[in-house]
C-alpha atoms as a PDB file:
ATOM      1  CA  MET A   1      47.642  16.367  -8.451  1.00  0.00           C
ATOM      2  CA  GLU A   2      50.204  18.192 -10.617  1.00  0.00           C
ATOM      3  CA  ARG A   3      53.904  17.150 -10.584  1.00  0.00           C
ATOM      4  CA  SER A   4      54.764  20.588  -9.150  1.00  0.00           C
ATOM      5  CA  GLU A   5      52.366  20.073  -6.241  1.00  0.00           C
ATOM      6  CA  ILE A   6      53.967  16.697  -5.519  1.00  0.00           C
ATOM      7  CA  GLU A   7      57.392  18.297  -5.547  1.00  0.00           C
ATOM      8  CA  GLU A   8      56.365  21.184  -3.296  1.00  0.00           C
ATOM      9  CA  ASN A   9      54.640  18.738  -0.775  1.00  0.00           C
ATOM     10  CA  VAL A  10      57.600  16.354  -0.699  1.00  0.00           C
ATOM     11  CA  ASN A  11      60.142  19.153  -0.386  1.00  0.00           C
ATOM     12  CA  ALA A  12      58.179  20.764   2.380  1.00  0.00           C
ATOM     13  CA  PHE A  13      58.035  17.680   4.561  1.00  0.00           C
ATOM     14  CA  LEU A  14      61.714  16.862   3.903  1.00  0.00           C
ATOM     15  CA  ILE A  15      62.689  20.319   5.012  1.00  0.00           C
ATOM     16  CA  ASP A  16      60.152  20.742   7.791  1.00  0.00           C
ATOM     17  CA  GLU A  17      59.630  17.269   9.189  1.00  0.00           C
ATOM     18  CA  MET A  18      62.925  15.569   8.302  1.00  0.00           C
ATOM     19  CA  GLU A  19      64.971  18.709   8.995  1.00  0.00           C
ATOM     20  CA  ILE A  20      66.955  18.348   5.712  1.00  0.00           C
ATOM     21  CA  GLU A  21      68.751  21.518   4.556  1.00  0.00           C
ATOM     22  CA  ALA A  22      66.768  23.198   1.702  1.00  0.00           C
ATOM     23  CA  GLU A  23      69.812  23.504  -0.543  1.00  0.00           C
ATOM     24  CA  LYS A  24      70.255  19.647  -0.515  1.00  0.00           C
ATOM     25  CA  VAL A  25      66.659  19.035  -1.642  1.00  0.00           C
ATOM     26  CA  LYS A  26      66.961  18.693  -5.408  1.00  0.00           C
ATOM     27  CA  PRO A  27      65.825  16.038  -7.871  1.00  0.00           C
ATOM     28  CA  GLU A  28      69.260  14.472  -8.417  1.00  0.00           C
ATOM     29  CA  ALA A  29      69.969  14.142  -4.655  1.00  0.00           C
ATOM     30  CA  LEU A  30      70.447  10.567  -3.497  1.00  0.00           C
ATOM     31  CA  LEU A  31      68.026   9.730  -0.722  1.00  0.00           C
ATOM     32  CA  ARG A  32      70.441   7.884   1.449  1.00  0.00           C
ATOM     33  CA  GLU A  33      73.839   9.346   0.597  1.00  0.00           C
ATOM     34  CA  ASP A  34      72.971  13.000  -0.050  1.00  0.00           C
ATOM     35  CA  LEU A  35      69.866  13.536   2.121  1.00  0.00           C
ATOM     36  CA  GLY A  36      70.903  11.128   4.890  1.00  0.00           C
ATOM     37  CA  ILE A  37      67.555   9.252   4.942  1.00  0.00           C
ATOM     38  CA  ASP A  38      67.848   6.007   6.828  1.00  0.00           C
ATOM     39  CA  SER A  39      65.484   3.089   7.493  1.00  0.00           C
ATOM     40  CA  LEU A  40      63.923   4.900  10.492  1.00  0.00           C
ATOM     41  CA  ASP A  41      63.329   7.975   8.424  1.00  0.00           C
ATOM     42  CA  PHE A  42      61.532   5.861   5.884  1.00  0.00           C
ATOM     43  CA  VAL A  43      59.054   4.841   8.512  1.00  0.00           C
ATOM     44  CA  ASP A  44      58.244   8.501   9.071  1.00  0.00           C
ATOM     45  CA  ILE A  45      58.069   9.130   5.325  1.00  0.00           C
ATOM     46  CA  VAL A  46      55.553   6.281   4.892  1.00  0.00           C
ATOM     47  CA  VAL A  47      53.304   7.952   7.512  1.00  0.00           C
ATOM     48  CA  ILE A  48      53.648  11.378   6.037  1.00  0.00           C
ATOM     49  CA  VAL A  49      53.004  10.186   2.430  1.00  0.00           C
ATOM     50  CA  ASP A  50      49.891   8.375   3.605  1.00  0.00           C
ATOM     51  CA  LYS A  51      48.680  11.561   5.346  1.00  0.00           C
ATOM     52  CA  ILE A  52      49.466  13.944   2.440  1.00  0.00           C
ATOM     53  CA  PHE A  53      48.867  11.741  -0.647  1.00  0.00           C
ATOM     54  CA  GLY A  54      46.529   9.068   0.701  1.00  0.00           C
ATOM     55  CA  PHE A  55      48.378   5.856  -0.022  1.00  0.00           C
ATOM     56  CA  LYS A  56      50.781   3.507   1.845  1.00  0.00           C
ATOM     57  CA  ILE A  57      54.198   2.782   0.542  1.00  0.00           C
ATOM     58  CA  LYS A  58      55.264  -0.825   0.510  1.00  0.00           C
ATOM     59  CA  PRO A  59      58.967  -1.362   1.360  1.00  0.00           C
ATOM     60  CA  GLU A  60      59.539  -3.413  -1.774  1.00  0.00           C
ATOM     61  CA  GLU A  61      58.244  -0.555  -3.991  1.00  0.00           C
ATOM     62  CA  MET A  62      61.011   1.670  -2.678  1.00  0.00           C
ATOM     63  CA  LYS A  63      63.929  -0.601  -3.566  1.00  0.00           C
ATOM     64  CA  ALA A  64      64.390   0.996  -7.024  1.00  0.00           C
ATOM     65  CA  VAL A  65      64.029   4.523  -5.785  1.00  0.00           C
ATOM     66  CA  GLN A  66      67.443   6.057  -5.394  1.00  0.00           C
ATOM     67  CA  THR A  67      67.066   9.751  -6.039  1.00  0.00           C
ATOM     68  CA  LEU A  68      64.590  12.418  -4.966  1.00  0.00           C
ATOM     69  CA  GLY A  69      63.482  12.726  -8.626  1.00  0.00           C
ATOM     70  CA  GLN A  70      62.624   9.041  -8.741  1.00  0.00           C
ATOM     71  CA  PHE A  71      60.673   9.520  -5.461  1.00  0.00           C
ATOM     72  CA  TYR A  72      58.600  12.302  -7.037  1.00  0.00           C
ATOM     73  CA  ASP A  73      57.960  10.001 -10.068  1.00  0.00           C
ATOM     74  CA  PHE A  74      56.949   7.092  -7.763  1.00  0.00           C
ATOM     75  CA  ILE A  75      54.402   9.348  -5.962  1.00  0.00           C
ATOM     76  CA  ALA A  76      53.140  10.729  -9.265  1.00  0.00           C
ATOM     77  CA  SER A  77      52.526   7.221 -10.547  1.00  0.00           C
ATOM     78  CA  LYS A  78      50.451   6.398  -7.392  1.00  0.00           C
ATOM     79  CA  VAL A  79      48.298   9.582  -7.363  1.00  0.00           C
ATOM     80  CA  ALA A  80      47.646   9.760 -11.047  1.00  0.00           C
END
C-alpha cells in the first residue's frame, strides 16, 4: 500500500468516524493536543486500523507516536 493511500485512509476515518475537523488533519498535528484523541478514541482507532489495514495495534507500540505524521509512518512500517 502506498503512503498516499495510507494517509487518505487514515484521514478519512479521522474525519468521518472520529468527527475531527478536516482542517486539523495534517501531518504535524499532535494526536492528543491538536486532534483531541483520548484513550477511548484509541480503542476505536485500534478496531478501525485492524479493519482497514489488517493488523492490531499494541498499546506499547503507540507510546512513541505523537503526531499524525508519525502515525502514518507507524502504519506504513506495519503494512510494508
